[in-house]
PDB file of N, CA and C in Angstrom:
ATOM      1  N   MET A   1       9.029  26.550  12.698  1.00  0.00           N
ATOM      2  CA  MET A   1       9.510  25.674  11.029  1.00  0.00           C
ATOM      3  C   MET A   1       9.327  26.768   9.994  1.00  0.00           C
ATOM      4  N   THR A   2      10.388  27.214   8.965  1.00  0.00           N
ATOM      5  CA  THR A   2      10.138  28.256   7.980  1.00  0.00           C
ATOM      6  C   THR A   2       9.007  27.887   7.193  1.00  0.00           C
ATOM      7  N   LEU A   3       8.772  28.751   6.301  1.00  0.00           N
ATOM      8  CA  LEU A   3       8.014  28.940   5.441  1.00  0.00           C
ATOM      9  C   LEU A   3       8.388  27.721   4.560  1.00  0.00           C
ATOM     10  N   HIS A   4       9.673  27.671   4.400  1.00  0.00           N
ATOM     11  CA  HIS A   4      10.304  27.072   2.631  1.00  0.00           C
ATOM     12  C   HIS A   4      10.011  25.375   3.437  1.00  0.00           C
ATOM     13  N   LYS A   5      10.660  24.998   4.728  1.00  0.00           N
ATOM     14  CA  LYS A   5      10.761  24.105   5.282  1.00  0.00           C
ATOM     15  C   LYS A   5       9.365  23.456   5.320  1.00  0.00           C
ATOM     16  N   LEU A   6       8.211  24.422   5.486  1.00  0.00           N
ATOM     17  CA  LEU A   6       6.720  23.815   5.592  1.00  0.00           C
ATOM     18  C   LEU A   6       6.562  23.555   4.122  1.00  0.00           C
ATOM     19  N   TRP A   7       6.686  24.180   3.184  1.00  0.00           N
ATOM     20  CA  TRP A   7       6.153  24.109   1.750  1.00  0.00           C
ATOM     21  C   TRP A   7       6.774  22.736   1.488  1.00  0.00           C
ATOM     22  N   GLN A   8       7.994  22.247   1.286  1.00  0.00           N
ATOM     23  CA  GLN A   8       9.229  21.065   1.619  1.00  0.00           C
ATOM     24  C   GLN A   8       8.166  19.893   1.537  1.00  0.00           C
ATOM     25  N   ARG A   9       7.369  20.258   2.824  1.00  0.00           N
ATOM     26  CA  ARG A   9       6.716  18.691   3.693  1.00  0.00           C
ATOM     27  C   ARG A   9       5.636  18.657   3.198  1.00  0.00           C
ATOM     28  N   LEU A  10       4.958  19.899   3.005  1.00  0.00           N
ATOM     29  CA  LEU A  10       3.703  19.888   2.390  1.00  0.00           C
ATOM     30  C   LEU A  10       3.817  19.060   0.704  1.00  0.00           C
ATOM     31  N   VAL A  11       5.064  19.238  -0.171  1.00  0.00           N
ATOM     32  CA  VAL A  11       4.727  19.146  -0.722  1.00  0.00           C
ATOM     33  C   VAL A  11       5.353  17.362  -0.873  1.00  0.00           C
ATOM     34  N   GLN A  12       6.087  16.771   0.166  1.00  0.00           N
ATOM     35  CA  GLN A  12       6.649  15.860  -0.164  1.00  0.00           C
ATOM     36  C   GLN A  12       5.610  14.325   0.754  1.00  0.00           C
ATOM     37  N   THR A  13       4.438  15.218   1.272  1.00  0.00           N
ATOM     38  CA  THR A  13       3.116  14.852   1.534  1.00  0.00           C
ATOM     39  C   THR A  13       2.524  14.434   0.001  1.00  0.00           C
ATOM     40  N   ALA A  14       2.268  15.260  -0.301  1.00  0.00           N
ATOM     41  CA  ALA A  14       1.225  15.026  -1.469  1.00  0.00           C
ATOM     42  C   ALA A  14       1.598  14.363  -2.673  1.00  0.00           C
ATOM     43  N   ARG A  15       3.150  13.951  -2.537  1.00  0.00           N
ATOM     44  CA  ARG A  15       3.646  12.908  -3.365  1.00  0.00           C
ATOM     45  C   ARG A  15       3.470  11.904  -3.259  1.00  0.00           C
ATOM     46  N   LEU A  16       3.451  11.580  -1.875  1.00  0.00           N
ATOM     47  CA  LEU A  16       3.482  10.415  -0.896  1.00  0.00           C
ATOM     48  C   LEU A  16       2.441   9.931  -1.087  1.00  0.00           C
ATOM     49  N   SER A  17       1.232  10.431  -0.885  1.00  0.00           N
ATOM     50  CA  SER A  17       0.186  10.233  -0.615  1.00  0.00           C
ATOM     51  C   SER A  17      -0.755   9.918  -2.436  1.00  0.00           C
ATOM     52  N   CYS A  18       0.263   9.905  -3.573  1.00  0.00           N
ATOM     53  CA  CYS A  18      -0.175   9.601  -4.686  1.00  0.00           C
ATOM     54  C   CYS A  18       0.825   8.811  -5.252  1.00  0.00           C
ATOM     55  N   GLY A  19       1.693   8.588  -4.094  1.00  0.00           N
ATOM     56  CA  GLY A  19       2.310   7.006  -4.603  1.00  0.00           C
ATOM     57  C   GLY A  19       3.566   7.266  -4.880  1.00  0.00           C
ATOM     58  N   VAL A  20       4.402   8.094  -4.883  1.00  0.00           N
ATOM     59  CA  VAL A  20       5.559   8.823  -5.601  1.00  0.00           C
ATOM     60  C   VAL A  20       6.244   9.248  -4.994  1.00  0.00           C
ATOM     61  N   PRO A  21       7.438   8.551  -4.464  1.00  0.00           N
ATOM     62  CA  PRO A  21       8.544   8.577  -3.134  1.00  0.00           C
ATOM     63  C   PRO A  21       9.218   9.869  -3.534  1.00  0.00           C
ATOM     64  N   ASP A  22       9.743  10.602  -2.581  1.00  0.00           N
ATOM     65  CA  ASP A  22      10.972  11.370  -2.696  1.00  0.00           C
ATOM     66  C   ASP A  22      12.054  11.453  -3.029  1.00  0.00           C
ATOM     67  N   TYR A  23      12.171  11.754  -4.204  1.00  0.00           N
ATOM     68  CA  TYR A  23      13.951  11.030  -5.058  1.00  0.00           C
ATOM     69  C   TYR A  23      14.523  11.498  -4.040  1.00  0.00           C
ATOM     70  N   ASP A  24      15.093  12.615  -3.726  1.00  0.00           N
ATOM     71  CA  ASP A  24      16.065  12.739  -2.560  1.00  0.00           C
ATOM     72  C   ASP A  24      15.671  12.001  -1.499  1.00  0.00           C
ATOM     73  N   VAL A  25      15.201  11.383  -0.448  1.00  0.00           N
ATOM     74  CA  VAL A  25      15.364  10.433   0.567  1.00  0.00           C
ATOM     75  C   VAL A  25      15.990   9.052  -0.118  1.00  0.00           C
ATOM     76  N   TYR A  26      15.289   8.480  -1.695  1.00  0.00           N
ATOM     77  CA  TYR A  26      15.583   7.600  -2.374  1.00  0.00           C
ATOM     78  C   TYR A  26      17.218   7.440  -2.443  1.00  0.00           C
ATOM     79  N   VAL A  27      17.635   8.765  -3.383  1.00  0.00           N
ATOM     80  CA  VAL A  27      19.253   8.650  -3.447  1.00  0.00           C
ATOM     81  C   VAL A  27      19.799   8.479  -2.089  1.00  0.00           C
ATOM     82  N   ALA A  28      19.611   9.568  -1.202  1.00  0.00           N
ATOM     83  CA  ALA A  28      20.232   9.653  -0.145  1.00  0.00           C
ATOM     84  C   ALA A  28      20.356   7.838   0.331  1.00  0.00           C
ATOM     85  N   HIS A  29      18.982   7.161   0.498  1.00  0.00           N
ATOM     86  CA  HIS A  29      18.989   5.523   0.845  1.00  0.00           C
ATOM     87  C   HIS A  29      20.047   5.115   0.342  1.00  0.00           C
ATOM     88  N   LEU A  30      20.153   5.028  -1.062  1.00  0.00           N
ATOM     89  CA  LEU A  30      20.676   4.262  -2.323  1.00  0.00           C
ATOM     90  C   LEU A  30      22.633   4.693  -1.903  1.00  0.00           C
ATOM     91  N   ARG A  31      22.657   5.888  -1.370  1.00  0.00           N
ATOM     92  CA  ARG A  31      24.431   6.369  -1.150  1.00  0.00           C
ATOM     93  C   ARG A  31      24.481   5.179  -0.023  1.00  0.00           C
ATOM     94  N   ALA A  32      23.820   5.539   1.164  1.00  0.00           N
ATOM     95  CA  ALA A  32      24.219   4.769   2.479  1.00  0.00           C
ATOM     96  C   ALA A  32      23.944   3.719   2.303  1.00  0.00           C
ATOM     97  N   HIS A  33      23.065   2.811   1.876  1.00  0.00           N
ATOM     98  CA  HIS A  33      23.033   1.210   1.698  1.00  0.00           C
ATOM     99  C   HIS A  33      23.462   0.734   0.341  1.00  0.00           C
ATOM    100  N   HIS A  34      23.044   0.966  -0.643  1.00  0.00           N
ATOM    101  CA  HIS A  34      23.778   0.569  -1.612  1.00  0.00           C
ATOM    102  C   HIS A  34      24.642   1.383  -2.650  1.00  0.00           C
ATOM    103  N   PRO A  35      25.978   1.405  -2.268  1.00  0.00           N
ATOM    104  CA  PRO A  35      26.658   2.544  -2.834  1.00  0.00           C
ATOM    105  C   PRO A  35      27.357   1.743  -4.408  1.00  0.00           C
ATOM    106  N   GLU A  36      26.764   0.347  -4.658  1.00  0.00           N
ATOM    107  CA  GLU A  36      27.516   0.047  -5.435  1.00  0.00           C
ATOM    108  C   GLU A  36      26.493   0.343  -6.853  1.00  0.00           C
ATOM    109  N   ARG A  37      24.891   0.527  -6.847  1.00  0.00           N
ATOM    110  CA  ARG A  37      24.101   0.619  -7.677  1.00  0.00           C
ATOM    111  C   ARG A  37      24.154   2.193  -8.358  1.00  0.00           C
ATOM    112  N   LYS A  38      23.882   2.052  -9.313  1.00  0.00           N
ATOM    113  CA  LYS A  38      23.862   3.681 -10.227  1.00  0.00           C
ATOM    114  C   LYS A  38      22.983   4.023  -9.582  1.00  0.00           C
ATOM    115  N   ILE A  39      22.810   5.682  -9.152  1.00  0.00           N
ATOM    116  CA  ILE A  39      22.000   6.253  -9.087  1.00  0.00           C
ATOM    117  C   ILE A  39      20.787   7.027 -10.211  1.00  0.00           C
ATOM    118  N   PRO A  40      19.620   6.643  -9.908  1.00  0.00           N
ATOM    119  CA  PRO A  40      18.770   6.944 -11.388  1.00  0.00           C
ATOM    120  C   PRO A  40      18.756   8.190 -11.728  1.00  0.00           C
ATOM    121  N   THR A  41      18.125   8.547 -12.552  1.00  0.00           N
ATOM    122  CA  THR A  41      17.965   9.920 -13.142  1.00  0.00           C
ATOM    123  C   THR A  41      16.679  10.311 -11.987  1.00  0.00           C
ATOM    124  N   TYR A  42      16.089  11.443 -12.172  1.00  0.00           N
ATOM    125  CA  TYR A  42      14.363  11.900 -11.928  1.00  0.00           C
ATOM    126  C   TYR A  42      13.454  10.928 -12.666  1.00  0.00           C
ATOM    127  N   ALA A  43      13.849  11.037 -14.056  1.00  0.00           N
ATOM    128  CA  ALA A  43      12.870  10.559 -15.006  1.00  0.00           C
ATOM    129  C   ALA A  43      13.092   9.165 -14.667  1.00  0.00           C
ATOM    130  N   GLU A  44      14.475   7.889 -14.553  1.00  0.00           N
ATOM    131  CA  GLU A  44      14.195   7.047 -14.225  1.00  0.00           C
ATOM    132  C   GLU A  44      13.667   6.491 -13.189  1.00  0.00           C
ATOM    133  N   PHE A  45      13.823   7.102 -12.134  1.00  0.00           N
ATOM    134  CA  PHE A  45      13.112   6.994 -10.588  1.00  0.00           C
ATOM    135  C   PHE A  45      11.499   6.747 -10.974  1.00  0.00           C
ATOM    136  N   PHE A  46      11.354   8.179 -11.361  1.00  0.00           N
ATOM    137  CA  PHE A  46       9.526   8.323 -11.355  1.00  0.00           C
ATOM    138  C   PHE A  46       9.319   7.399 -11.960  1.00  0.00           C
ATOM    139  N   ARG A  47       9.834   6.592 -13.381  1.00  0.00           N
ATOM    140  CA  ARG A  47       9.060   5.809 -14.134  1.00  0.00           C
ATOM    141  C   ARG A  47       9.232   4.657 -13.480  1.00  0.00           C
ATOM    142  N   ASP A  48      10.069   4.149 -12.777  1.00  0.00           N
ATOM    143  CA  ASP A  48       9.906   2.584 -12.098  1.00  0.00           C
ATOM    144  C   ASP A  48       9.322   2.751 -10.839  1.00  0.00           C
ATOM    145  N   ARG A  49       8.942   4.016 -10.292  1.00  0.00           N
ATOM    146  CA  ARG A  49       7.731   4.016  -9.341  1.00  0.00           C
ATOM    147  C   ARG A  49       6.969   3.962  -9.619  1.00  0.00           C
ATOM    148  N   GLN A  50       6.269   4.477 -11.270  1.00  0.00           N
ATOM    149  CA  GLN A  50       5.056   4.296 -11.739  1.00  0.00           C
ATOM    150  C   GLN A  50       4.839   3.093 -12.154  1.00  0.00           C
ATOM    151  N   THR A  51       5.611   2.169 -12.552  1.00  0.00           N
ATOM    152  CA  THR A  51       5.950   0.882 -12.980  1.00  0.00           C
ATOM    153  C   THR A  51       5.349  -0.042 -11.904  1.00  0.00           C
ATOM    154  N   ALA A  52       6.136   0.275 -10.588  1.00  0.00           N
ATOM    155  CA  ALA A  52       5.989  -0.746  -9.476  1.00  0.00           C
ATOM    156  C   ALA A  52       4.490  -0.423  -8.651  1.00  0.00           C
ATOM    157  N   ARG A  53       4.346   0.692  -8.999  1.00  0.00           N
ATOM    158  CA  ARG A  53       2.977   1.330  -8.509  1.00  0.00           C
ATOM    159  C   ARG A  53       1.581   0.584  -9.062  1.00  0.00           C
ATOM    160  N   TYR A  54       1.505   0.750 -10.722  1.00  0.00           N
ATOM    161  CA  TYR A  54       0.589   0.189 -11.311  1.00  0.00           C
ATOM    162  C   TYR A  54       0.608  -1.213 -11.891  1.00  0.00           C
ATOM    163  N   LYS A  55       2.003  -1.680 -12.446  1.00  0.00           N
ATOM    164  CA  LYS A  55       2.195  -3.102 -12.605  1.00  0.00           C
ATOM    165  C   LYS A  55       2.008  -3.855 -11.593  1.00  0.00           C
ATOM    166  N   GLY A  56       2.146  -3.311  -9.922  1.00  0.00           N
ATOM    167  CA  GLY A  56       2.544  -4.300  -9.260  1.00  0.00           C
ATOM    168  C   GLY A  56       4.078  -5.271  -9.355  1.00  0.00           C
ATOM    169  N   THR A  57       5.112  -4.662  -9.893  1.00  0.00           N
ATOM    170  CA  THR A  57       6.364  -5.366  -9.798  1.00  0.00           C
ATOM    171  C   THR A  57       7.312  -4.819  -8.972  1.00  0.00           C
ATOM    172  N   GLY A  58       7.186  -3.555  -8.334  1.00  0.00           N
ATOM    173  CA  GLY A  58       8.007  -3.290  -7.393  1.00  0.00           C
ATOM    174  C   GLY A  58       7.717  -2.939  -5.957  1.00  0.00           C
ATOM    175  N   GLY A  59       8.362  -3.206  -4.749  1.00  0.00           N
ATOM    176  CA  GLY A  59       8.901  -3.185  -3.978  1.00  0.00           C
ATOM    177  C   GLY A  59       9.824  -2.855  -2.621  1.00  0.00           C
ATOM    178  N   ARG A  60       9.907  -2.632  -1.710  1.00  0.00           N
ATOM    179  CA  ARG A  60      10.765  -2.407  -0.889  1.00  0.00           C
ATOM    180  C   ARG A  60      12.147  -3.013  -1.195  1.00  0.00           C
ATOM    181  N   CYS A  61      13.382  -2.297  -0.962  1.00  0.00           N
ATOM    182  CA  CYS A  61      14.279  -3.454  -1.208  1.00  0.00           C
ATOM    183  C   CYS A  61      14.678  -3.677  -0.028  1.00  0.00           C
ATOM    184  N   CYS A  62      14.797  -3.072   0.770  1.00  0.00           N
ATOM    185  CA  CYS A  62      15.511  -3.229   2.522  1.00  0.00           C
ATOM    186  C   CYS A  62      13.929  -3.379   3.551  1.00  0.00           C
TER     187      CYS A  62
END
């Protein structure tokens, strides 16, 4: 595993441990499973995930 790949994994792990899913994984999921949906900006995605985490309004779509 390269140093860059290791760094990406560590960042992803830190974000997930704080409750912030990976934006790139989310976009890939939308493109594969929900092509009719608009791809949110990172700011929209982040705001939505924060709302879902702290207000209890979100969840998994699939």
